[in-house]
Amino acid sequence: MKVLKPRQPVPELEVDTLQGPWSLSEQTPDNFTMLVFYRGLHCPLCTKYLKELDRLSGDFSEIGVTVLVLSSDDKERALEAQLNWDLQNISLAYGVTTEQAQSWGLHRSAGRGKTSTGIEEPAEFSEPGLFLIRSDRTLYWSQVSTMPFARPLFREVLGALNFVLANNYPARGELV
């Protein structure tokens, strides 16, 4: 599995969103692009997590952070998540391939039937990951998980980014 390193270029990423095609190389954020990989429609924890991000999306925008939320779900499941979870302010990408997930160092899981919400897990899906990418397409910060639990809280990420921007704080963890 690939491990992305801070201050190094990240892989190109081209995906479809519910609004149309999206390419990382075409992004021009004032400060960062934040990629939030989630497990998919079947994940009950993703509902609460992404609702919080949706609520705070304007705060991220105010500090120059563009946000994209991604999963390996198909378009129909992504649309169902957007509608059922009432996500009005964030863009959802769908169809993340196994190869794309691996290039970003995401862990993958096999489906195990229906979740506590009664929704069937896909045959395979990616576990959560959060990536902050500078406008020069180098990695600033990443967090990758093997489980749906203990993800970074978006209010804390926002506070950290305010500190980072106010103090020109460098990316850390760059040593091999």
N, C-alpha and C. Protein backbone atom coordinates (compact mmCIF):
# COMPACT_ATOMS: atom_id res chain seq x y z
N MET A 1 0.84 -1.18 0.00
CA MET A 1 0.00 0.00 0.00
C MET A 1 0.88 1.24 0.00
N LYS A 2 0.50 2.20 -0.77
CA LYS A 2 1.25 3.44 -0.89
C LYS A 2 1.01 4.33 0.33
N VAL A 3 2.07 4.99 0.79
CA VAL A 3 1.96 5.97 1.85
C VAL A 3 2.37 7.32 1.27
N LEU A 4 1.45 8.27 1.30
CA LEU A 4 1.75 9.61 0.80
C LEU A 4 2.51 10.38 1.86
N LYS A 5 3.47 11.17 1.42
CA LYS A 5 4.32 11.93 2.35
C LYS A 5 4.04 13.42 2.24
N PRO A 6 3.99 14.11 3.37
CA PRO A 6 3.83 15.56 3.33
C PRO A 6 4.94 16.22 2.52
N ARG A 7 4.58 17.31 1.87
CA ARG A 7 5.47 18.13 1.04
C ARG A 7 5.80 17.47 -0.30
N GLN A 8 5.23 16.31 -0.56
CA GLN A 8 5.46 15.61 -1.83
C GLN A 8 4.19 15.67 -2.69
N PRO A 9 4.35 15.59 -4.01
CA PRO A 9 3.16 15.62 -4.88
C PRO A 9 2.22 14.45 -4.59
N VAL A 10 0.94 14.72 -4.72
CA VAL A 10 -0.08 13.69 -4.56
C VAL A 10 -0.46 13.15 -5.93
N PRO A 11 -1.08 11.99 -5.98
CA PRO A 11 -1.51 11.45 -7.28
C PRO A 11 -2.58 12.33 -7.92
N GLU A 12 -2.62 12.30 -9.23
CA GLU A 12 -3.73 12.96 -9.93
C GLU A 12 -5.02 12.24 -9.53
N LEU A 13 -6.09 12.99 -9.51
CA LEU A 13 -7.38 12.40 -9.18
C LEU A 13 -8.44 13.01 -10.08
N GLU A 14 -9.09 12.18 -10.84
CA GLU A 14 -10.21 12.59 -11.67
C GLU A 14 -11.39 11.71 -11.32
N VAL A 15 -12.50 12.34 -10.95
CA VAL A 15 -13.70 11.62 -10.54
C VAL A 15 -14.93 12.31 -11.08
N ASP A 16 -16.04 11.61 -11.02
CA ASP A 16 -17.33 12.20 -11.35
C ASP A 16 -17.99 12.62 -10.05
N THR A 17 -18.60 13.79 -10.07
CA THR A 17 -19.39 14.26 -8.93
C THR A 17 -20.84 14.35 -9.37
N LEU A 18 -21.72 14.57 -8.42
CA LEU A 18 -23.13 14.75 -8.77
C LEU A 18 -23.35 16.01 -9.58
N GLN A 19 -22.35 16.91 -9.59
CA GLN A 19 -22.43 18.14 -10.39
C GLN A 19 -21.68 18.03 -11.72
N GLY A 20 -20.93 16.95 -11.93
CA GLY A 20 -20.18 16.78 -13.17
C GLY A 20 -18.75 16.34 -12.90
N PRO A 21 -17.90 16.28 -13.94
CA PRO A 21 -16.51 15.84 -13.78
C PRO A 21 -15.71 16.78 -12.88
N TRP A 22 -14.72 16.20 -12.18
CA TRP A 22 -13.87 16.96 -11.26
C TRP A 22 -12.45 16.43 -11.41
N SER A 23 -11.49 17.35 -11.44
CA SER A 23 -10.08 16.97 -11.54
C SER A 23 -9.26 17.76 -10.53
N LEU A 24 -8.43 17.07 -9.78
CA LEU A 24 -7.58 17.75 -8.80
C LEU A 24 -6.66 18.76 -9.47
N SER A 25 -6.13 18.42 -10.63
CA SER A 25 -5.19 19.32 -11.30
C SER A 25 -5.84 20.62 -11.75
N GLU A 26 -7.15 20.67 -11.82
CA GLU A 26 -7.86 21.88 -12.23
C GLU A 26 -8.29 22.74 -11.04
N GLN A 27 -8.02 22.30 -9.84
CA GLN A 27 -8.44 23.05 -8.65
C GLN A 27 -7.48 24.20 -8.38
N THR A 28 -8.03 25.33 -7.98
CA THR A 28 -7.22 26.51 -7.66
C THR A 28 -7.67 27.11 -6.33
N PRO A 29 -7.51 26.36 -5.24
CA PRO A 29 -7.96 26.88 -3.95
C PRO A 29 -7.05 28.01 -3.47
N ASP A 30 -7.59 28.90 -2.66
CA ASP A 30 -6.76 29.93 -2.05
C ASP A 30 -5.71 29.31 -1.15
N ASN A 31 -6.09 28.25 -0.43
CA ASN A 31 -5.15 27.62 0.50
C ASN A 31 -5.04 26.10 0.32
N PHE A 32 -6.15 25.40 0.41
CA PHE A 32 -6.10 23.94 0.36
C PHE A 32 -7.32 23.37 -0.37
N THR A 33 -7.14 22.18 -0.90
CA THR A 33 -8.26 21.32 -1.29
C THR A 33 -8.33 20.23 -0.23
N MET A 34 -9.50 20.02 0.33
CA MET A 34 -9.69 18.98 1.33
C MET A 34 -10.50 17.85 0.71
N LEU A 35 -9.89 16.68 0.64
CA LEU A 35 -10.56 15.48 0.15
C LEU A 35 -10.98 14.64 1.35
N VAL A 36 -12.25 14.32 1.42
CA VAL A 36 -12.78 13.51 2.51
C VAL A 36 -13.36 12.24 1.89
N PHE A 37 -12.63 11.14 2.03
CA PHE A 37 -13.10 9.85 1.55
C PHE A 37 -13.97 9.23 2.64
N TYR A 38 -15.17 8.81 2.26
CA TYR A 38 -16.07 8.15 3.23
C TYR A 38 -16.43 6.77 2.72
N ARG A 39 -16.98 5.95 3.59
CA ARG A 39 -17.22 4.54 3.29
C ARG A 39 -18.36 4.33 2.29
N GLY A 40 -19.40 5.12 2.37
CA GLY A 40 -20.53 4.99 1.44
C GLY A 40 -21.86 5.09 2.15
N LEU A 41 -22.91 4.96 1.36
CA LEU A 41 -24.28 5.09 1.84
C LEU A 41 -24.58 4.16 3.01
N HIS A 42 -23.98 2.99 3.02
CA HIS A 42 -24.26 1.98 4.04
C HIS A 42 -23.76 2.37 5.43
N CYS A 43 -22.91 3.37 5.53
CA CYS A 43 -22.21 3.69 6.79
C CYS A 43 -23.02 4.65 7.66
N PRO A 44 -23.55 4.19 8.80
CA PRO A 44 -24.32 5.09 9.66
C PRO A 44 -23.47 6.20 10.28
N LEU A 45 -22.19 5.95 10.52
CA LEU A 45 -21.33 6.99 11.09
C LEU A 45 -21.04 8.09 10.07
N CYS A 46 -21.04 7.74 8.80
CA CYS A 46 -20.78 8.73 7.75
C CYS A 46 -21.87 9.78 7.70
N THR A 47 -23.09 9.39 8.02
CA THR A 47 -24.21 10.33 8.00
C THR A 47 -23.93 11.52 8.91
N LYS A 48 -23.66 11.25 10.16
CA LYS A 48 -23.40 12.31 11.14
C LYS A 48 -22.15 13.09 10.76
N TYR A 49 -21.12 12.37 10.35
CA TYR A 49 -19.83 12.99 10.02
C TYR A 49 -19.98 13.98 8.86
N LEU A 50 -20.65 13.56 7.80
CA LEU A 50 -20.78 14.43 6.64
C LEU A 50 -21.80 15.54 6.86
N LYS A 51 -22.78 15.32 7.70
CA LYS A 51 -23.71 16.41 8.04
C LYS A 51 -22.96 17.54 8.75
N GLU A 52 -22.02 17.18 9.61
CA GLU A 52 -21.21 18.19 10.29
C GLU A 52 -20.35 18.95 9.29
N LEU A 53 -19.75 18.24 8.35
CA LEU A 53 -18.96 18.91 7.32
C LEU A 53 -19.84 19.82 6.47
N ASP A 54 -21.02 19.36 6.12
CA ASP A 54 -21.95 20.17 5.34
C ASP A 54 -22.28 21.47 6.08
N ARG A 55 -22.50 21.35 7.38
CA ARG A 55 -22.82 22.52 8.20
C ARG A 55 -21.66 23.51 8.26
N LEU A 56 -20.42 23.00 8.27
CA LEU A 56 -19.23 23.86 8.39
C LEU A 56 -18.61 24.23 7.05
N SER A 57 -19.19 23.80 5.96
CA SER A 57 -18.55 24.01 4.65
C SER A 57 -18.31 25.49 4.36
N GLY A 58 -19.20 26.36 4.77
CA GLY A 58 -18.99 27.80 4.57
C GLY A 58 -17.79 28.32 5.33
N ASP A 59 -17.55 27.78 6.53
CA ASP A 59 -16.39 28.18 7.32
C ASP A 59 -15.09 27.76 6.63
N PHE A 60 -15.09 26.57 6.04
CA PHE A 60 -13.91 26.13 5.29
C PHE A 60 -13.70 27.02 4.07
N SER A 61 -14.76 27.34 3.39
CA SER A 61 -14.67 28.20 2.21
C SER A 61 -14.10 29.57 2.57
N GLU A 62 -14.52 30.11 3.71
CA GLU A 62 -14.05 31.43 4.15
C GLU A 62 -12.54 31.48 4.35
N ILE A 63 -11.92 30.35 4.69
CA ILE A 63 -10.47 30.35 4.88
C ILE A 63 -9.73 29.76 3.67
N GLY A 64 -10.43 29.68 2.55
CA GLY A 64 -9.77 29.27 1.31
C GLY A 64 -9.57 27.79 1.15
N VAL A 65 -10.48 26.99 1.70
CA VAL A 65 -10.40 25.53 1.58
C VAL A 65 -11.60 25.05 0.77
N THR A 66 -11.32 24.41 -0.37
CA THR A 66 -12.39 23.78 -1.13
C THR A 66 -12.51 22.33 -0.67
N VAL A 67 -13.73 21.83 -0.68
CA VAL A 67 -14.01 20.51 -0.11
C VAL A 67 -14.63 19.60 -1.16
N LEU A 68 -14.15 18.37 -1.20
CA LEU A 68 -14.78 17.33 -2.02
C LEU A 68 -14.89 16.08 -1.16
N VAL A 69 -16.07 15.47 -1.19
CA VAL A 69 -16.35 14.25 -0.45
C VAL A 69 -16.48 13.11 -1.46
N LEU A 70 -15.80 11.98 -1.21
CA LEU A 70 -15.71 10.91 -2.21
C LEU A 70 -15.98 9.53 -1.62
N SER A 71 -16.53 8.66 -2.45
CA SER A 71 -16.68 7.25 -2.07
C SER A 71 -16.64 6.38 -3.32
N SER A 72 -16.61 5.09 -3.10
CA SER A 72 -16.66 4.15 -4.21
C SER A 72 -18.09 3.80 -4.60
N ASP A 73 -19.07 4.38 -3.91
CA ASP A 73 -20.46 4.16 -4.28
C ASP A 73 -20.70 4.55 -5.74
N ASP A 74 -21.76 3.99 -6.32
CA ASP A 74 -22.15 4.41 -7.66
C ASP A 74 -22.97 5.70 -7.56
N LYS A 75 -23.33 6.25 -8.70
CA LYS A 75 -24.04 7.54 -8.73
C LYS A 75 -25.36 7.48 -7.97
N GLU A 76 -26.09 6.40 -8.11
CA GLU A 76 -27.39 6.29 -7.46
C GLU A 76 -27.26 6.31 -5.94
N ARG A 77 -26.28 5.59 -5.42
CA ARG A 77 -26.07 5.58 -3.96
C ARG A 77 -25.56 6.94 -3.47
N ALA A 78 -24.72 7.59 -4.25
CA ALA A 78 -24.24 8.92 -3.87
C ALA A 78 -25.40 9.91 -3.83
N LEU A 79 -26.27 9.84 -4.81
CA LEU A 79 -27.44 10.72 -4.84
C LEU A 79 -28.37 10.43 -3.67
N GLU A 80 -28.54 9.15 -3.36
CA GLU A 80 -29.37 8.78 -2.21
C GLU A 80 -28.77 9.31 -0.91
N ALA A 81 -27.44 9.23 -0.76
CA ALA A 81 -26.79 9.79 0.43
C ALA A 81 -27.02 11.30 0.50
N GLN A 82 -26.83 11.99 -0.62
CA GLN A 82 -27.02 13.44 -0.63
C GLN A 82 -28.44 13.81 -0.21
N LEU A 83 -29.41 13.11 -0.74
CA LEU A 83 -30.81 13.42 -0.44
C LEU A 83 -31.21 12.99 0.97
N ASN A 84 -30.90 11.75 1.34
CA ASN A 84 -31.32 11.24 2.65
C ASN A 84 -30.59 11.91 3.80
N TRP A 85 -29.35 12.30 3.57
CA TRP A 85 -28.57 12.94 4.63
C TRP A 85 -28.71 14.46 4.59
N ASP A 86 -29.47 14.97 3.64
CA ASP A 86 -29.72 16.40 3.49
C ASP A 86 -28.43 17.20 3.37
N LEU A 87 -27.55 16.75 2.48
CA LEU A 87 -26.27 17.43 2.23
C LEU A 87 -26.50 18.46 1.13
N GLN A 88 -26.48 19.73 1.51
CA GLN A 88 -26.82 20.80 0.58
C GLN A 88 -25.63 21.64 0.15
N ASN A 89 -24.51 21.54 0.87
CA ASN A 89 -23.41 22.48 0.64
C ASN A 89 -22.10 21.85 0.20
N ILE A 90 -22.03 20.53 0.19
CA ILE A 90 -20.78 19.86 -0.19
C ILE A 90 -21.01 19.03 -1.45
N SER A 91 -19.95 18.90 -2.24
CA SER A 91 -20.00 18.11 -3.47
C SER A 91 -19.65 16.67 -3.17
N LEU A 92 -20.44 15.75 -3.70
CA LEU A 92 -20.18 14.32 -3.54
C LEU A 92 -19.66 13.74 -4.84
N ALA A 93 -18.52 13.07 -4.75
CA ALA A 93 -17.97 12.32 -5.87
C ALA A 93 -18.26 10.85 -5.65
N TYR A 94 -18.37 10.13 -6.73
CA TYR A 94 -18.70 8.71 -6.65
C TYR A 94 -17.82 7.92 -7.61
N GLY A 95 -17.83 6.61 -7.43
CA GLY A 95 -17.12 5.74 -8.35
C GLY A 95 -15.62 5.71 -8.18
N VAL A 96 -15.12 6.04 -6.98
CA VAL A 96 -13.67 5.94 -6.73
C VAL A 96 -13.27 4.48 -6.95
N THR A 97 -12.30 4.27 -7.82
CA THR A 97 -11.88 2.91 -8.18
C THR A 97 -10.92 2.35 -7.13
N THR A 98 -10.75 1.04 -7.18
CA THR A 98 -9.78 0.39 -6.30
C THR A 98 -8.39 0.98 -6.52
N GLU A 99 -8.02 1.19 -7.77
CA GLU A 99 -6.70 1.74 -8.10
C GLU A 99 -6.54 3.15 -7.53
N GLN A 100 -7.57 3.97 -7.65
CA GLN A 100 -7.50 5.32 -7.09
C GLN A 100 -7.36 5.26 -5.57
N ALA A 101 -8.15 4.42 -4.93
CA ALA A 101 -8.07 4.29 -3.47
C ALA A 101 -6.68 3.85 -3.05
N GLN A 102 -6.12 2.89 -3.76
CA GLN A 102 -4.77 2.41 -3.43
C GLN A 102 -3.73 3.49 -3.65
N SER A 103 -3.88 4.30 -4.69
CA SER A 103 -2.88 5.34 -4.95
C SER A 103 -2.90 6.42 -3.87
N TRP A 104 -4.00 6.54 -3.15
CA TRP A 104 -4.10 7.50 -2.04
C TRP A 104 -3.83 6.84 -0.69
N GLY A 105 -3.47 5.56 -0.70
CA GLY A 105 -3.12 4.87 0.53
C GLY A 105 -4.30 4.51 1.41
N LEU A 106 -5.48 4.41 0.82
CA LEU A 106 -6.67 4.08 1.60
C LEU A 106 -6.75 2.58 1.84
N HIS A 107 -7.24 2.22 3.00
CA HIS A 107 -7.51 0.82 3.32
C HIS A 107 -8.83 0.43 2.66
N ARG A 108 -8.95 -0.84 2.29
CA ARG A 108 -10.16 -1.35 1.63
C ARG A 108 -10.75 -2.47 2.49
N SER A 109 -12.06 -2.58 2.41
CA SER A 109 -12.76 -3.63 3.16
C SER A 109 -13.71 -4.38 2.23
N ALA A 110 -13.99 -5.63 2.61
CA ALA A 110 -14.98 -6.45 1.90
C ALA A 110 -16.33 -6.26 2.58
N GLY A 111 -17.38 -6.21 1.79
CA GLY A 111 -18.72 -6.09 2.33
C GLY A 111 -19.09 -7.28 3.19
N ARG A 112 -19.94 -7.02 4.20
CA ARG A 112 -20.35 -8.08 5.13
C ARG A 112 -21.87 -8.12 5.30
N GLY A 113 -22.58 -7.75 4.27
CA GLY A 113 -24.04 -7.79 4.36
C GLY A 113 -24.62 -6.44 4.74
N LYS A 114 -25.77 -6.49 5.41
CA LYS A 114 -26.46 -5.26 5.78
C LYS A 114 -25.88 -4.67 7.06
N THR A 115 -25.88 -3.34 7.10
CA THR A 115 -25.42 -2.63 8.30
C THR A 115 -26.59 -2.44 9.26
N SER A 116 -26.34 -1.76 10.36
CA SER A 116 -27.39 -1.50 11.35
C SER A 116 -28.51 -0.64 10.78
N THR A 117 -28.25 0.05 9.67
CA THR A 117 -29.29 0.87 9.03
C THR A 117 -30.11 0.06 8.03
N GLY A 118 -29.74 -1.21 7.83
CA GLY A 118 -30.46 -2.06 6.90
C GLY A 118 -30.03 -1.90 5.45
N ILE A 119 -28.94 -1.19 5.22
CA ILE A 119 -28.43 -0.96 3.86
C ILE A 119 -27.28 -1.92 3.60
N GLU A 120 -27.32 -2.55 2.46
CA GLU A 120 -26.31 -3.53 2.07
C GLU A 120 -24.97 -2.84 1.80
N GLU A 121 -23.90 -3.40 2.37
CA GLU A 121 -22.56 -2.92 2.04
C GLU A 121 -22.21 -3.36 0.63
N PRO A 122 -21.46 -2.53 -0.11
CA PRO A 122 -20.98 -2.98 -1.42
C PRO A 122 -20.01 -4.16 -1.24
N ALA A 123 -19.71 -4.85 -2.32
CA ALA A 123 -18.78 -5.98 -2.27
C ALA A 123 -17.42 -5.54 -1.73
N GLU A 124 -16.98 -4.35 -2.14
CA GLU A 124 -15.73 -3.75 -1.65
C GLU A 124 -15.94 -2.25 -1.52
N PHE A 125 -15.24 -1.65 -0.57
CA PHE A 125 -15.30 -0.20 -0.40
C PHE A 125 -14.07 0.27 0.35
N SER A 126 -13.83 1.57 0.29
CA SER A 126 -12.68 2.17 0.98
C SER A 126 -13.07 2.62 2.37
N GLU A 127 -12.12 2.53 3.27
CA GLU A 127 -12.29 3.08 4.61
C GLU A 127 -11.95 4.58 4.57
N PRO A 128 -12.27 5.32 5.63
CA PRO A 128 -12.14 6.78 5.60
C PRO A 128 -10.71 7.30 5.46
N GLY A 129 -10.62 8.46 4.87
CA GLY A 129 -9.36 9.19 4.77
C GLY A 129 -9.64 10.66 4.57
N LEU A 130 -8.77 11.50 5.09
CA LEU A 130 -8.88 12.94 4.93
C LEU A 130 -7.52 13.46 4.47
N PHE A 131 -7.52 14.27 3.42
CA PHE A 131 -6.29 14.80 2.84
C PHE A 131 -6.43 16.29 2.61
N LEU A 132 -5.44 17.05 3.04
CA LEU A 132 -5.36 18.47 2.73
C LEU A 132 -4.21 18.67 1.76
N ILE A 133 -4.53 19.23 0.61
CA ILE A 133 -3.56 19.38 -0.46
C ILE A 133 -3.39 20.86 -0.76
N ARG A 134 -2.15 21.29 -0.81
CA ARG A 134 -1.85 22.68 -1.15
C ARG A 134 -2.16 22.94 -2.62
N SER A 135 -2.23 24.20 -2.98
CA SER A 135 -2.55 24.56 -4.37
C SER A 135 -1.48 24.08 -5.35
N ASP A 136 -0.26 23.79 -4.87
CA ASP A 136 0.79 23.25 -5.75
C ASP A 136 0.70 21.72 -5.87
N ARG A 137 -0.38 21.14 -5.35
CA ARG A 137 -0.67 19.70 -5.39
C ARG A 137 0.30 18.86 -4.55
N THR A 138 0.84 19.45 -3.50
CA THR A 138 1.62 18.67 -2.54
C THR A 138 0.76 18.41 -1.31
N LEU A 139 1.06 17.30 -0.65
CA LEU A 139 0.31 16.92 0.53
C LEU A 139 0.71 17.79 1.72
N TYR A 140 -0.28 18.33 2.40
CA TYR A 140 -0.02 19.06 3.63
C TYR A 140 -0.32 18.18 4.85
N TRP A 141 -1.46 17.50 4.83
CA TRP A 141 -1.91 16.74 6.00
C TRP A 141 -2.74 15.56 5.52
N SER A 142 -2.57 14.43 6.19
CA SER A 142 -3.44 13.30 5.88
C SER A 142 -3.76 12.51 7.14
N GLN A 143 -4.89 11.86 7.09
CA GLN A 143 -5.31 10.94 8.14
C GLN A 143 -6.05 9.82 7.44
N VAL A 144 -5.56 8.60 7.60
CA VAL A 144 -6.15 7.43 6.97
C VAL A 144 -6.52 6.44 8.08
N SER A 145 -7.68 5.81 7.94
CA SER A 145 -8.15 4.90 8.98
C SER A 145 -8.46 3.52 8.41
N THR A 146 -8.38 2.52 9.27
CA THR A 146 -8.79 1.16 8.89
C THR A 146 -10.22 0.87 9.33
N MET A 147 -10.81 1.80 10.06
CA MET A 147 -12.13 1.60 10.66
C MET A 147 -12.98 2.86 10.47
N PRO A 148 -14.29 2.75 10.66
CA PRO A 148 -15.14 3.94 10.53
C PRO A 148 -15.09 4.86 11.74
N PHE A 149 -14.41 4.45 12.79
CA PHE A 149 -14.42 5.19 14.06
C PHE A 149 -13.27 6.18 14.16
N ALA A 150 -13.39 7.12 15.10
CA ALA A 150 -12.31 8.03 15.51
C ALA A 150 -11.73 8.85 14.35
N ARG A 151 -12.60 9.50 13.61
CA ARG A 151 -12.16 10.37 12.51
C ARG A 151 -11.89 11.77 13.05
N PRO A 152 -11.10 12.56 12.31
CA PRO A 152 -10.86 13.95 12.74
C PRO A 152 -12.18 14.72 12.78
N LEU A 153 -12.38 15.47 13.84
CA LEU A 153 -13.58 16.30 13.95
C LEU A 153 -13.39 17.56 13.12
N PHE A 154 -14.37 17.89 12.30
CA PHE A 154 -14.21 19.01 11.38
C PHE A 154 -14.06 20.35 12.10
N ARG A 155 -14.68 20.51 13.25
CA ARG A 155 -14.51 21.76 14.01
C ARG A 155 -13.04 21.89 14.43
N GLU A 156 -12.42 20.78 14.84
CA GLU A 156 -11.00 20.81 15.23
C GLU A 156 -10.09 21.02 14.02
N VAL A 157 -10.43 20.41 12.89
CA VAL A 157 -9.66 20.63 11.66
C VAL A 157 -9.71 22.10 11.29
N LEU A 158 -10.87 22.69 11.38
CA LEU A 158 -11.04 24.11 11.07
C LEU A 158 -10.18 24.97 12.00
N GLY A 159 -10.20 24.67 13.29
CA GLY A 159 -9.37 25.41 14.24
C GLY A 159 -7.90 25.25 13.95
N ALA A 160 -7.49 24.03 13.63
CA ALA A 160 -6.08 23.78 13.29
C ALA A 160 -5.68 24.56 12.04
N LEU A 161 -6.55 24.59 11.05
CA LEU A 161 -6.23 25.32 9.82
C LEU A 161 -6.15 26.82 10.05
N ASN A 162 -6.98 27.33 10.92
CA ASN A 162 -6.86 28.76 11.27
C ASN A 162 -5.50 29.04 11.88
N PHE A 163 -5.02 28.16 12.75
CA PHE A 163 -3.68 28.30 13.34
C PHE A 163 -2.61 28.18 12.27
N VAL A 164 -2.73 27.17 11.42
CA VAL A 164 -1.76 26.93 10.34
C VAL A 164 -1.62 28.17 9.47
N LEU A 165 -2.74 28.73 9.07
CA LEU A 165 -2.70 29.88 8.16
C LEU A 165 -2.19 31.14 8.86
N ALA A 166 -2.55 31.34 10.11
CA ALA A 166 -2.10 32.52 10.85
C ALA A 166 -0.61 32.47 11.15
N ASN A 167 -0.05 31.27 11.26
CA ASN A 167 1.35 31.12 11.67
C ASN A 167 2.26 30.53 10.59
N ASN A 168 1.73 30.40 9.38
CA ASN A 168 2.51 29.81 8.29
C ASN A 168 3.17 28.50 8.74
N TYR A 169 2.39 27.67 9.41
CA TYR A 169 2.89 26.43 9.99
C TYR A 169 3.20 25.43 8.88
N PRO A 170 4.39 24.84 8.89
CA PRO A 170 4.77 23.93 7.80
C PRO A 170 4.11 22.55 7.93
N ALA A 171 4.07 21.85 6.80
CA ALA A 171 3.63 20.46 6.82
C ALA A 171 4.64 19.65 7.63
N ARG A 172 4.15 18.74 8.44
CA ARG A 172 5.03 17.93 9.29
C ARG A 172 4.90 16.47 8.89
N GLY A 173 5.86 15.64 9.35
CA GLY A 173 5.84 14.22 9.05
C GLY A 173 6.52 13.87 7.74
N GLU A 174 7.40 14.76 7.30
CA GLU A 174 8.03 14.59 5.99
C GLU A 174 9.20 13.62 5.97
N LEU A 175 9.73 13.24 7.13
CA LEU A 175 10.88 12.35 7.16
C LEU A 175 10.47 10.91 6.92
N VAL A 176 11.33 10.15 6.27
CA VAL A 176 11.04 8.74 5.99
C VAL A 176 11.49 7.90 7.17
